[in-house]
Amino acid sequence: PVGAYAVRLSFDDGHDTGLYSWDLLHD
């Protein structure tokens, strides 16, 4: 979790710098 507005997803390729806000996930 990132605050109350997003999550940070980590992937098996090492990528973990993108934030996925609730608005983005809904979109």
mmCIF file of all heavy atoms, coordinates in Angstrom:
data_MODEL
# 
_entry.id   MODEL 
# 
loop_
_atom_site.group_PDB 
_atom_site.id 
_atom_site.type_symbol 
_atom_site.label_atom_id 
_atom_site.label_alt_id 
_atom_site.label_comp_id 
_atom_site.label_asym_id 
_atom_site.label_entity_id 
_atom_site.label_seq_id 
_atom_site.pdbx_PDB_ins_code 
_atom_site.Cartn_x 
_atom_site.Cartn_y 
_atom_site.Cartn_z 
_atom_site.occupancy 
_atom_site.B_iso_or_equiv 
_atom_site.pdbx_formal_charge 
_atom_site.auth_seq_id 
_atom_site.auth_comp_id 
_atom_site.auth_asym_id 
_atom_site.auth_atom_id 
_atom_site.pdbx_PDB_model_num 
ATOM 1   N N   . PRO A 1 1  ? 0.835   -1.205  0.000   1.00 0.00 ? 1  PRO A N   1 
ATOM 2   C CA  . PRO A 1 1  ? 0.000   0.000   0.000   1.00 0.00 ? 1  PRO A CA  1 
ATOM 3   C C   . PRO A 1 1  ? 0.869   1.254   0.000   1.00 0.00 ? 1  PRO A C   1 
ATOM 4   O O   . PRO A 1 1  ? 1.960   1.265   0.566   1.00 0.00 ? 1  PRO A O   1 
ATOM 5   C CB  . PRO A 1 1  ? -0.799  -0.112  1.295   1.00 0.00 ? 1  PRO A CB  1 
ATOM 6   C CG  . PRO A 1 1  ? -0.060  -1.067  2.147   1.00 0.00 ? 1  PRO A CG  1 
ATOM 7   C CD  . PRO A 1 1  ? 0.754   -1.947  1.245   1.00 0.00 ? 1  PRO A CD  1 
ATOM 8   N N   . VAL A 1 2  ? 0.376   2.294   -0.655  1.00 0.00 ? 2  VAL A N   1 
ATOM 9   C CA  . VAL A 1 2  ? 1.029   3.602   -0.657  1.00 0.00 ? 2  VAL A CA  1 
ATOM 10  C C   . VAL A 1 2  ? -0.017  4.589   -0.160  1.00 0.00 ? 2  VAL A C   1 
ATOM 11  O O   . VAL A 1 2  ? -0.932  4.952   -0.899  1.00 0.00 ? 2  VAL A O   1 
ATOM 12  C CB  . VAL A 1 2  ? 1.527   3.990   -2.069  1.00 0.00 ? 2  VAL A CB  1 
ATOM 13  C CG1 . VAL A 1 2  ? 2.145   5.380   -2.047  1.00 0.00 ? 2  VAL A CG1 1 
ATOM 14  C CG2 . VAL A 1 2  ? 2.512   2.954   -2.600  1.00 0.00 ? 2  VAL A CG2 1 
ATOM 15  N N   . GLY A 1 3  ? 0.092   4.949   1.093   1.00 0.00 ? 3  GLY A N   1 
ATOM 16  C CA  . GLY A 1 3  ? -0.930  5.798   1.700   1.00 0.00 ? 3  GLY A CA  1 
ATOM 17  C C   . GLY A 1 3  ? -2.285  5.126   1.578   1.00 0.00 ? 3  GLY A C   1 
ATOM 18  O O   . GLY A 1 3  ? -2.399  3.906   1.627   1.00 0.00 ? 3  GLY A O   1 
ATOM 19  N N   . ALA A 1 4  ? -3.309  5.931   1.389   1.00 0.00 ? 4  ALA A N   1 
ATOM 20  C CA  . ALA A 1 4  ? -4.664  5.402   1.221   1.00 0.00 ? 4  ALA A CA  1 
ATOM 21  C C   . ALA A 1 4  ? -5.131  5.526   -0.217  1.00 0.00 ? 4  ALA A C   1 
ATOM 22  O O   . ALA A 1 4  ? -6.295  5.296   -0.509  1.00 0.00 ? 4  ALA A O   1 
ATOM 23  C CB  . ALA A 1 4  ? -5.620  6.158   2.142   1.00 0.00 ? 4  ALA A CB  1 
ATOM 24  N N   . TYR A 1 5  ? -4.223  5.851   -1.127  1.00 0.00 ? 5  TYR A N   1 
ATOM 25  C CA  . TYR A 1 5  ? -4.647  6.166   -2.489  1.00 0.00 ? 5  TYR A CA  1 
ATOM 26  C C   . TYR A 1 5  ? -4.107  5.253   -3.578  1.00 0.00 ? 5  TYR A C   1 
ATOM 27  O O   . TYR A 1 5  ? -4.529  5.344   -4.734  1.00 0.00 ? 5  TYR A O   1 
ATOM 28  C CB  . TYR A 1 5  ? -4.274  7.609   -2.833  1.00 0.00 ? 5  TYR A CB  1 
ATOM 29  C CG  . TYR A 1 5  ? -2.785  7.828   -3.001  1.00 0.00 ? 5  TYR A CG  1 
ATOM 30  C CD1 . TYR A 1 5  ? -2.205  7.775   -4.259  1.00 0.00 ? 5  TYR A CD1 1 
ATOM 31  C CD2 . TYR A 1 5  ? -1.956  8.057   -1.912  1.00 0.00 ? 5  TYR A CD2 1 
ATOM 32  C CE1 . TYR A 1 5  ? -0.844  7.964   -4.424  1.00 0.00 ? 5  TYR A CE1 1 
ATOM 33  C CE2 . TYR A 1 5  ? -0.607  8.251   -2.066  1.00 0.00 ? 5  TYR A CE2 1 
ATOM 34  C CZ  . TYR A 1 5  ? -0.052  8.204   -3.331  1.00 0.00 ? 5  TYR A CZ  1 
ATOM 35  O OH  . TYR A 1 5  ? 1.301   8.374   -3.479  1.00 0.00 ? 5  TYR A OH  1 
ATOM 36  N N   . ALA A 1 6  ? -3.174  4.347   -3.248  1.00 0.00 ? 6  ALA A N   1 
ATOM 37  C CA  . ALA A 1 6  ? -2.537  3.567   -4.310  1.00 0.00 ? 6  ALA A CA  1 
ATOM 38  C C   . ALA A 1 6  ? -1.864  2.322   -3.748  1.00 0.00 ? 6  ALA A C   1 
ATOM 39  O O   . ALA A 1 6  ? -1.759  2.140   -2.531  1.00 0.00 ? 6  ALA A O   1 
ATOM 40  C CB  . ALA A 1 6  ? -1.491  4.429   -5.027  1.00 0.00 ? 6  ALA A CB  1 
ATOM 41  N N   . VAL A 1 7  ? -1.379  1.497   -4.678  1.00 0.00 ? 7  VAL A N   1 
ATOM 42  C CA  . VAL A 1 7  ? -0.517  0.373   -4.339  1.00 0.00 ? 7  VAL A CA  1 
ATOM 43  C C   . VAL A 1 7  ? 0.698   0.404   -5.263  1.00 0.00 ? 7  VAL A C   1 
ATOM 44  O O   . VAL A 1 7  ? 0.652   0.950   -6.365  1.00 0.00 ? 7  VAL A O   1 
ATOM 45  C CB  . VAL A 1 7  ? -1.231  -1.002  -4.485  1.00 0.00 ? 7  VAL A CB  1 
ATOM 46  C CG1 . VAL A 1 7  ? -2.276  -1.188  -3.411  1.00 0.00 ? 7  VAL A CG1 1 
ATOM 47  C CG2 . VAL A 1 7  ? -1.824  -1.194  -5.860  1.00 0.00 ? 7  VAL A CG2 1 
ATOM 48  N N   . ARG A 1 8  ? 1.776   -0.173  -4.771  1.00 0.00 ? 8  ARG A N   1 
ATOM 49  C CA  . ARG A 1 8  ? 2.974   -0.374  -5.586  1.00 0.00 ? 8  ARG A CA  1 
ATOM 50  C C   . ARG A 1 8  ? 3.027   -1.861  -5.876  1.00 0.00 ? 8  ARG A C   1 
ATOM 51  O O   . ARG A 1 8  ? 3.046   -2.681  -4.954  1.00 0.00 ? 8  ARG A O   1 
ATOM 52  C CB  . ARG A 1 8  ? 4.225   0.073   -4.833  1.00 0.00 ? 8  ARG A CB  1 
ATOM 53  C CG  . ARG A 1 8  ? 5.507   -0.126  -5.642  1.00 0.00 ? 8  ARG A CG  1 
ATOM 54  C CD  . ARG A 1 8  ? 6.744   0.286   -4.865  1.00 0.00 ? 8  ARG A CD  1 
ATOM 55  N NE  . ARG A 1 8  ? 6.652   1.592   -4.259  1.00 0.00 ? 8  ARG A NE  1 
ATOM 56  C CZ  . ARG A 1 8  ? 6.907   2.752   -4.880  1.00 0.00 ? 8  ARG A CZ  1 
ATOM 57  N NH1 . ARG A 1 8  ? 7.271   2.744   -6.140  1.00 0.00 ? 8  ARG A NH1 1 
ATOM 58  N NH2 . ARG A 1 8  ? 6.805   3.888   -4.231  1.00 0.00 ? 8  ARG A NH2 1 
ATOM 59  N N   . LEU A 1 9  ? 3.019   -2.202  -7.144  1.00 0.00 ? 9  LEU A N   1 
ATOM 60  C CA  . LEU A 1 9  ? 3.117   -3.599  -7.550  1.00 0.00 ? 9  LEU A CA  1 
ATOM 61  C C   . LEU A 1 9  ? 4.556   -3.908  -7.912  1.00 0.00 ? 9  LEU A C   1 
ATOM 62  O O   . LEU A 1 9  ? 5.199   -3.135  -8.622  1.00 0.00 ? 9  LEU A O   1 
ATOM 63  C CB  . LEU A 1 9  ? 2.215   -3.874  -8.755  1.00 0.00 ? 9  LEU A CB  1 
ATOM 64  C CG  . LEU A 1 9  ? 0.726   -3.582  -8.580  1.00 0.00 ? 9  LEU A CG  1 
ATOM 65  C CD1 . LEU A 1 9  ? -0.027  -3.887  -9.873  1.00 0.00 ? 9  LEU A CD1 1 
ATOM 66  C CD2 . LEU A 1 9  ? 0.139   -4.347  -7.415  1.00 0.00 ? 9  LEU A CD2 1 
ATOM 67  N N   . SER A 1 10 ? 5.053   -5.026  -7.431  1.00 0.00 ? 10 SER A N   1 
ATOM 68  C CA  . SER A 1 10 ? 6.381   -5.509  -7.800  1.00 0.00 ? 10 SER A CA  1 
ATOM 69  C C   . SER A 1 10 ? 6.198   -6.726  -8.689  1.00 0.00 ? 10 SER A C   1 
ATOM 70  O O   . SER A 1 10 ? 5.391   -7.613  -8.390  1.00 0.00 ? 10 SER A O   1 
ATOM 71  C CB  . SER A 1 10 ? 7.188   -5.899  -6.560  1.00 0.00 ? 10 SER A CB  1 
ATOM 72  O OG  . SER A 1 10 ? 7.390   -4.782  -5.740  1.00 0.00 ? 10 SER A OG  1 
ATOM 73  N N   . PHE A 1 11 ? 6.966   -6.756  -9.766  1.00 0.00 ? 11 PHE A N   1 
ATOM 74  C CA  . PHE A 1 11 ? 6.857   -7.820  -10.760 1.00 0.00 ? 11 PHE A CA  1 
ATOM 75  C C   . PHE A 1 11 ? 8.122   -8.668  -10.763 1.00 0.00 ? 11 PHE A C   1 
ATOM 76  O O   . PHE A 1 11 ? 9.188   -8.226  -10.320 1.00 0.00 ? 11 PHE A O   1 
ATOM 77  C CB  . PHE A 1 11 ? 6.627   -7.216  -12.149 1.00 0.00 ? 11 PHE A CB  1 
ATOM 78  C CG  . PHE A 1 11 ? 5.341   -6.436  -12.247 1.00 0.00 ? 11 PHE A CG  1 
ATOM 79  C CD1 . PHE A 1 11 ? 5.292   -5.092  -11.932 1.00 0.00 ? 11 PHE A CD1 1 
ATOM 80  C CD2 . PHE A 1 11 ? 4.165   -7.070  -12.641 1.00 0.00 ? 11 PHE A CD2 1 
ATOM 81  C CE1 . PHE A 1 11 ? 4.104   -4.369  -12.019 1.00 0.00 ? 11 PHE A CE1 1 
ATOM 82  C CE2 . PHE A 1 11 ? 2.977   -6.362  -12.720 1.00 0.00 ? 11 PHE A CE2 1 
ATOM 83  C CZ  . PHE A 1 11 ? 2.947   -5.005  -12.402 1.00 0.00 ? 11 PHE A CZ  1 
ATOM 84  N N   . ASP A 1 12 ? 7.998   -9.879  -11.294 1.00 0.00 ? 12 ASP A N   1 
ATOM 85  C CA  . ASP A 1 12 ? 9.129   -10.808 -11.287 1.00 0.00 ? 12 ASP A CA  1 
ATOM 86  C C   . ASP A 1 12 ? 10.278  -10.382 -12.189 1.00 0.00 ? 12 ASP A C   1 
ATOM 87  O O   . ASP A 1 12 ? 11.366  -10.935 -12.105 1.00 0.00 ? 12 ASP A O   1 
ATOM 88  C CB  . ASP A 1 12 ? 8.676   -12.230 -11.619 1.00 0.00 ? 12 ASP A CB  1 
ATOM 89  C CG  . ASP A 1 12 ? 8.091   -12.383 -13.015 1.00 0.00 ? 12 ASP A CG  1 
ATOM 90  O OD1 . ASP A 1 12 ? 7.750   -11.363 -13.668 1.00 0.00 ? 12 ASP A OD1 1 
ATOM 91  O OD2 . ASP A 1 12 ? 7.945   -13.537 -13.458 1.00 0.00 ? 12 ASP A OD2 1 
ATOM 92  N N   . ASP A 1 13 ? 10.088  -9.361  -13.019 1.00 0.00 ? 13 ASP A N   1 
ATOM 93  C CA  . ASP A 1 13 ? 11.185  -8.854  -13.846 1.00 0.00 ? 13 ASP A CA  1 
ATOM 94  C C   . ASP A 1 13 ? 11.968  -7.759  -13.115 1.00 0.00 ? 13 ASP A C   1 
ATOM 95  O O   . ASP A 1 13 ? 12.847  -7.129  -13.691 1.00 0.00 ? 13 ASP A O   1 
ATOM 96  C CB  . ASP A 1 13 ? 10.676  -8.343  -15.191 1.00 0.00 ? 13 ASP A CB  1 
ATOM 97  C CG  . ASP A 1 13 ? 9.788   -7.113  -15.080 1.00 0.00 ? 13 ASP A CG  1 
ATOM 98  O OD1 . ASP A 1 13 ? 9.465   -6.674  -13.958 1.00 0.00 ? 13 ASP A OD1 1 
ATOM 99  O OD2 . ASP A 1 13 ? 9.406   -6.578  -16.143 1.00 0.00 ? 13 ASP A OD2 1 
ATOM 100 N N   . GLY A 1 14 ? 11.636  -7.529  -11.834 1.00 0.00 ? 14 GLY A N   1 
ATOM 101 C CA  . GLY A 1 14 ? 12.336  -6.534  -11.035 1.00 0.00 ? 14 GLY A CA  1 
ATOM 102 C C   . GLY A 1 14 ? 11.684  -5.159  -11.047 1.00 0.00 ? 14 GLY A C   1 
ATOM 103 O O   . GLY A 1 14 ? 12.062  -4.286  -10.266 1.00 0.00 ? 14 GLY A O   1 
ATOM 104 N N   . HIS A 1 15 ? 10.704  -4.947  -11.892 1.00 0.00 ? 15 HIS A N   1 
ATOM 105 C CA  . HIS A 1 15 ? 10.041  -3.639  -11.959 1.00 0.00 ? 15 HIS A CA  1 
ATOM 106 C C   . HIS A 1 15 ? 9.182   -3.427  -10.717 1.00 0.00 ? 15 HIS A C   1 
ATOM 107 O O   . HIS A 1 15 ? 8.341   -4.254  -10.384 1.00 0.00 ? 15 HIS A O   1 
ATOM 108 C CB  . HIS A 1 15 ? 9.177   -3.548  -13.218 1.00 0.00 ? 15 HIS A CB  1 
ATOM 109 C CG  . HIS A 1 15 ? 8.430   -2.257  -13.314 1.00 0.00 ? 15 HIS A CG  1 
ATOM 110 N ND1 . HIS A 1 15 ? 9.055   -1.081  -13.623 1.00 0.00 ? 15 HIS A ND1 1 
ATOM 111 C CD2 . HIS A 1 15 ? 7.131   -1.964  -13.113 1.00 0.00 ? 15 HIS A CD2 1 
ATOM 112 C CE1 . HIS A 1 15 ? 8.158   -0.108  -13.620 1.00 0.00 ? 15 HIS A CE1 1 
ATOM 113 N NE2 . HIS A 1 15 ? 6.984   -0.621  -13.311 1.00 0.00 ? 15 HIS A NE2 1 
ATOM 114 N N   . ASP A 1 16 ? 9.420   -2.296  -10.046 1.00 0.00 ? 16 ASP A N   1 
ATOM 115 C CA  . ASP A 1 16 ? 8.605   -1.980  -8.867  1.00 0.00 ? 16 ASP A CA  1 
ATOM 116 C C   . ASP A 1 16 ? 8.504   -0.474  -8.639  1.00 0.00 ? 16 ASP A C   1 
ATOM 117 O O   . ASP A 1 16 ? 8.285   -0.026  -7.520  1.00 0.00 ? 16 ASP A O   1 
ATOM 118 C CB  . ASP A 1 16 ? 9.136   -2.676  -7.619  1.00 0.00 ? 16 ASP A CB  1 
ATOM 119 C CG  . ASP A 1 16 ? 10.505  -2.167  -7.198  1.00 0.00 ? 16 ASP A CG  1 
ATOM 120 O OD1 . ASP A 1 16 ? 11.097  -1.321  -7.901  1.00 0.00 ? 16 ASP A OD1 1 
ATOM 121 O OD2 . ASP A 1 16 ? 10.992  -2.616  -6.145  1.00 0.00 ? 16 ASP A OD2 1 
ATOM 122 N N   . THR A 1 17 ? 8.642   0.321   -9.690  1.00 0.00 ? 17 THR A N   1 
ATOM 123 C CA  . THR A 1 17 ? 8.644   1.779   -9.528  1.00 0.00 ? 17 THR A CA  1 
ATOM 124 C C   . THR A 1 17 ? 7.319   2.434   -9.904  1.00 0.00 ? 17 THR A C   1 
ATOM 125 O O   . THR A 1 17 ? 7.176   3.644   -9.749  1.00 0.00 ? 17 THR A O   1 
ATOM 126 C CB  . THR A 1 17 ? 9.768   2.432   -10.355 1.00 0.00 ? 17 THR A CB  1 
ATOM 127 O OG1 . THR A 1 17 ? 9.568   2.122   -11.739 1.00 0.00 ? 17 THR A OG1 1 
ATOM 128 C CG2 . THR A 1 17 ? 11.130  1.953   -9.892  1.00 0.00 ? 17 THR A CG2 1 
ATOM 129 N N   . GLY A 1 18 ? 6.371   1.680   -10.393 1.00 0.00 ? 18 GLY A N   1 
ATOM 130 C CA  . GLY A 1 18 ? 5.097   2.278   -10.773 1.00 0.00 ? 18 GLY A CA  1 
ATOM 131 C C   . GLY A 1 18 ? 4.082   2.246   -9.647  1.00 0.00 ? 18 GLY A C   1 
ATOM 132 O O   . GLY A 1 18 ? 3.947   1.246   -8.958  1.00 0.00 ? 18 GLY A O   1 
ATOM 133 N N   . LEU A 1 19 ? 3.401   3.356   -9.458  1.00 0.00 ? 19 LEU A N   1 
ATOM 134 C CA  . LEU A 1 19 ? 2.298   3.403   -8.498  1.00 0.00 ? 19 LEU A CA  1 
ATOM 135 C C   . LEU A 1 19 ? 0.992   3.225   -9.255  1.00 0.00 ? 19 LEU A C   1 
ATOM 136 O O   . LEU A 1 19 ? 0.806   3.789   -10.334 1.00 0.00 ? 19 LEU A O   1 
ATOM 137 C CB  . LEU A 1 19 ? 2.268   4.740   -7.762  1.00 0.00 ? 19 LEU A CB  1 
ATOM 138 C CG  . LEU A 1 19 ? 3.443   5.045   -6.862  1.00 0.00 ? 19 LEU A CG  1 
ATOM 139 C CD1 . LEU A 1 19 ? 3.218   6.376   -6.159  1.00 0.00 ? 19 LEU A CD1 1 
ATOM 140 C CD2 . LEU A 1 19 ? 3.676   3.944   -5.850  1.00 0.00 ? 19 LEU A CD2 1 
ATOM 141 N N   . TYR A 1 20 ? 0.102   2.465   -8.676  1.00 0.00 ? 20 TYR A N   1 
ATOM 142 C CA  . TYR A 1 20 ? -1.199  2.207   -9.270  1.00 0.00 ? 20 TYR A CA  1 
ATOM 143 C C   . TYR A 1 20 ? -2.246  2.788   -8.336  1.00 0.00 ? 20 TYR A C   1 
ATOM 144 O O   . TYR A 1 20 ? -2.622  2.167   -7.337  1.00 0.00 ? 20 TYR A O   1 
ATOM 145 C CB  . TYR A 1 20 ? -1.405  0.695   -9.453  1.00 0.00 ? 20 TYR A CB  1 
ATOM 146 C CG  . TYR A 1 20 ? -0.444  0.104   -10.463 1.00 0.00 ? 20 TYR A CG  1 
ATOM 147 C CD1 . TYR A 1 20 ? 0.866   -0.189  -10.117 1.00 0.00 ? 20 TYR A CD1 1 
ATOM 148 C CD2 . TYR A 1 20 ? -0.849  -0.124  -11.773 1.00 0.00 ? 20 TYR A CD2 1 
ATOM 149 C CE1 . TYR A 1 20 ? 1.751   -0.710  -11.050 1.00 0.00 ? 20 TYR A CE1 1 
ATOM 150 C CE2 . TYR A 1 20 ? 0.032   -0.649  -12.712 1.00 0.00 ? 20 TYR A CE2 1 
ATOM 151 C CZ  . TYR A 1 20 ? 1.324   -0.937  -12.340 1.00 0.00 ? 20 TYR A CZ  1 
ATOM 152 O OH  . TYR A 1 20 ? 2.201   -1.448  -13.265 1.00 0.00 ? 20 TYR A OH  1 
ATOM 153 N N   . SER A 1 21 ? -2.671  4.020   -8.637  1.00 0.00 ? 21 SER A N   1 
ATOM 154 C CA  . SER A 1 21 ? -3.696  4.668   -7.812  1.00 0.00 ? 21 SER A CA  1 
ATOM 155 C C   . SER A 1 21 ? -5.020  3.953   -8.035  1.00 0.00 ? 21 SER A C   1 
ATOM 156 O O   . SER A 1 21 ? -5.215  3.232   -9.023  1.00 0.00 ? 21 SER A O   1 
ATOM 157 C CB  . SER A 1 21 ? -3.826  6.141   -8.190  1.00 0.00 ? 21 SER A CB  1 
ATOM 158 O OG  . SER A 1 21 ? -4.417  6.262   -9.476  1.00 0.00 ? 21 SER A OG  1 
ATOM 159 N N   . TRP A 1 22 ? -5.951  4.168   -7.120  1.00 0.00 ? 22 TRP A N   1 
ATOM 160 C CA  . TRP A 1 22 ? -7.281  3.575   -7.281  1.00 0.00 ? 22 TRP A CA  1 
ATOM 161 C C   . TRP A 1 22 ? -7.921  4.092   -8.567  1.00 0.00 ? 22 TRP A C   1 
ATOM 162 O O   . TRP A 1 22 ? -8.574  3.336   -9.280  1.00 0.00 ? 22 TRP A O   1 
ATOM 163 C CB  . TRP A 1 22 ? -8.156  3.864   -6.072  1.00 0.00 ? 22 TRP A CB  1 
ATOM 164 C CG  . TRP A 1 22 ? -7.554  3.470   -4.752  1.00 0.00 ? 22 TRP A CG  1 
ATOM 165 C CD1 . TRP A 1 22 ? -7.581  4.202   -3.604  1.00 0.00 ? 22 TRP A CD1 1 
ATOM 166 C CD2 . TRP A 1 22 ? -6.856  2.257   -4.428  1.00 0.00 ? 22 TRP A CD2 1 
ATOM 167 N NE1 . TRP A 1 22 ? -6.933  3.517   -2.602  1.00 0.00 ? 22 TRP A NE1 1 
ATOM 168 C CE2 . TRP A 1 22 ? -6.476  2.325   -3.080  1.00 0.00 ? 22 TRP A CE2 1 
ATOM 169 C CE3 . TRP A 1 22 ? -6.490  1.122   -5.159  1.00 0.00 ? 22 TRP A CE3 1 
ATOM 170 C CZ2 . TRP A 1 22 ? -5.774  1.318   -2.435  1.00 0.00 ? 22 TRP A CZ2 1 
ATOM 171 C CZ3 . TRP A 1 22 ? -5.790  0.110   -4.521  1.00 0.00 ? 22 TRP A CZ3 1 
ATOM 172 C CH2 . TRP A 1 22 ? -5.442  0.203   -3.181  1.00 0.00 ? 22 TRP A CH2 1 
ATOM 173 N N   . ASP A 1 23 ? -7.718  5.379   -8.873  1.00 0.00 ? 23 ASP A N   1 
ATOM 174 C CA  . ASP A 1 23 ? -8.263  5.942   -10.111 1.00 0.00 ? 23 ASP A CA  1 
ATOM 175 C C   . ASP A 1 23 ? -7.669  5.240   -11.335 1.00 0.00 ? 23 ASP A C   1 
ATOM 176 O O   . ASP A 1 23 ? -8.374  4.928   -12.288 1.00 0.00 ? 23 ASP A O   1 
ATOM 177 C CB  . ASP A 1 23 ? -7.989  7.443   -10.206 1.00 0.00 ? 23 ASP A CB  1 
ATOM 178 C CG  . ASP A 1 23 ? -8.820  8.267   -9.245  1.00 0.00 ? 23 ASP A CG  1 
ATOM 179 O OD1 . ASP A 1 23 ? -9.812  7.746   -8.697  1.00 0.00 ? 23 ASP A OD1 1 
ATOM 180 O OD2 . ASP A 1 23 ? -8.470  9.452   -9.047  1.00 0.00 ? 23 ASP A OD2 1 
ATOM 181 N N   . LEU A 1 24 ? -6.351  5.016   -11.313 1.00 0.00 ? 24 LEU A N   1 
ATOM 182 C CA  . LEU A 1 24 ? -5.704  4.344   -12.439 1.00 0.00 ? 24 LEU A CA  1 
ATOM 183 C C   . LEU A 1 24 ? -6.209  2.913   -12.575 1.00 0.00 ? 24 LEU A C   1 
ATOM 184 O O   . LEU A 1 24 ? -6.542  2.471   -13.680 1.00 0.00 ? 24 LEU A O   1 
ATOM 185 C CB  . LEU A 1 24 ? -4.181  4.344   -12.271 1.00 0.00 ? 24 LEU A CB  1 
ATOM 186 C CG  . LEU A 1 24 ? -3.392  3.565   -13.329 1.00 0.00 ? 24 LEU A CG  1 
ATOM 187 C CD1 . LEU A 1 24 ? -3.644  4.114   -14.726 1.00 0.00 ? 24 LEU A CD1 1 
ATOM 188 C CD2 . LEU A 1 24 ? -1.916  3.554   -13.006 1.00 0.00 ? 24 LEU A CD2 1 
ATOM 189 N N   . LEU A 1 25 ? -6.291  2.182   -11.472 1.00 0.00 ? 25 LEU A N   1 
ATOM 190 C CA  . LEU A 1 25 ? -6.775  0.799   -11.548 1.00 0.00 ? 25 LEU A CA  1 
ATOM 191 C C   . LEU A 1 25 ? -8.217  0.745   -12.047 1.00 0.00 ? 25 LEU A C   1 
ATOM 192 O O   . LEU A 1 25 ? -8.566  -0.136  -12.844 1.00 0.00 ? 25 LEU A O   1 
ATOM 193 C CB  . LEU A 1 25 ? -6.647  0.113   -10.183 1.00 0.00 ? 25 LEU A CB  1 
ATOM 194 C CG  . LEU A 1 25 ? -5.220  -0.249  -9.785  1.00 0.00 ? 25 LEU A CG  1 
ATOM 195 C CD1 . LEU A 1 25 ? -5.164  -0.658  -8.324  1.00 0.00 ? 25 LEU A CD1 1 
ATOM 196 C CD2 . LEU A 1 25 ? -4.659  -1.341  -10.685 1.00 0.00 ? 25 LEU A CD2 1 
ATOM 197 N N   . HIS A 1 26 ? -9.026  1.688   -11.624 1.00 0.00 ? 26 HIS A N   1 
ATOM 198 C CA  . HIS A 1 26 ? -10.405 1.733   -12.115 1.00 0.00 ? 26 HIS A CA  1 
ATOM 199 C C   . HIS A 1 26 ? -10.418 2.003   -13.617 1.00 0.00 ? 26 HIS A C   1 
ATOM 200 O O   . HIS A 1 26 ? -11.118 1.331   -14.379 1.00 0.00 ? 26 HIS A O   1 
ATOM 201 C CB  . HIS A 1 26 ? -11.220 2.789   -11.354 1.00 0.00 ? 26 HIS A CB  1 
ATOM 202 C CG  . HIS A 1 26 ? -12.659 2.771   -11.716 1.00 0.00 ? 26 HIS A CG  1 
ATOM 203 N ND1 . HIS A 1 26 ? -13.205 3.645   -12.637 1.00 0.00 ? 26 HIS A ND1 1 
ATOM 204 C CD2 . HIS A 1 26 ? -13.670 1.964   -11.319 1.00 0.00 ? 26 HIS A CD2 1 
ATOM 205 C CE1 . HIS A 1 26 ? -14.482 3.374   -12.773 1.00 0.00 ? 26 HIS A CE1 1 
ATOM 206 N NE2 . HIS A 1 26 ? -14.797 2.358   -11.986 1.00 0.00 ? 26 HIS A NE2 1 
ATOM 207 N N   . ASP A 1 27 ? -9.631  2.976   -14.063 1.00 0.00 ? 27 ASP A N   1 
ATOM 208 C CA  . ASP A 1 27 ? -9.546  3.285   -15.489 1.00 0.00 ? 27 ASP A CA  1 
ATOM 209 C C   . ASP A 1 27 ? -9.041  2.084   -16.284 1.00 0.00 ? 27 ASP A C   1 
ATOM 210 O O   . ASP A 1 27 ? -9.579  1.769   -17.356 1.00 0.00 ? 27 ASP A O   1 
ATOM 211 C CB  . ASP A 1 27 ? -8.619  4.479   -15.730 1.00 0.00 ? 27 ASP A CB  1 
ATOM 212 C CG  . ASP A 1 27 ? -8.468  4.779   -17.212 1.00 0.00 ? 27 ASP A CG  1 
ATOM 213 O OD1 . ASP A 1 27 ? -9.406  5.351   -17.804 1.00 0.00 ? 27 ASP A OD1 1 
ATOM 214 O OD2 . ASP A 1 27 ? -7.411  4.419   -17.775 1.00 0.00 ? 27 ASP A OD2 1 
# 
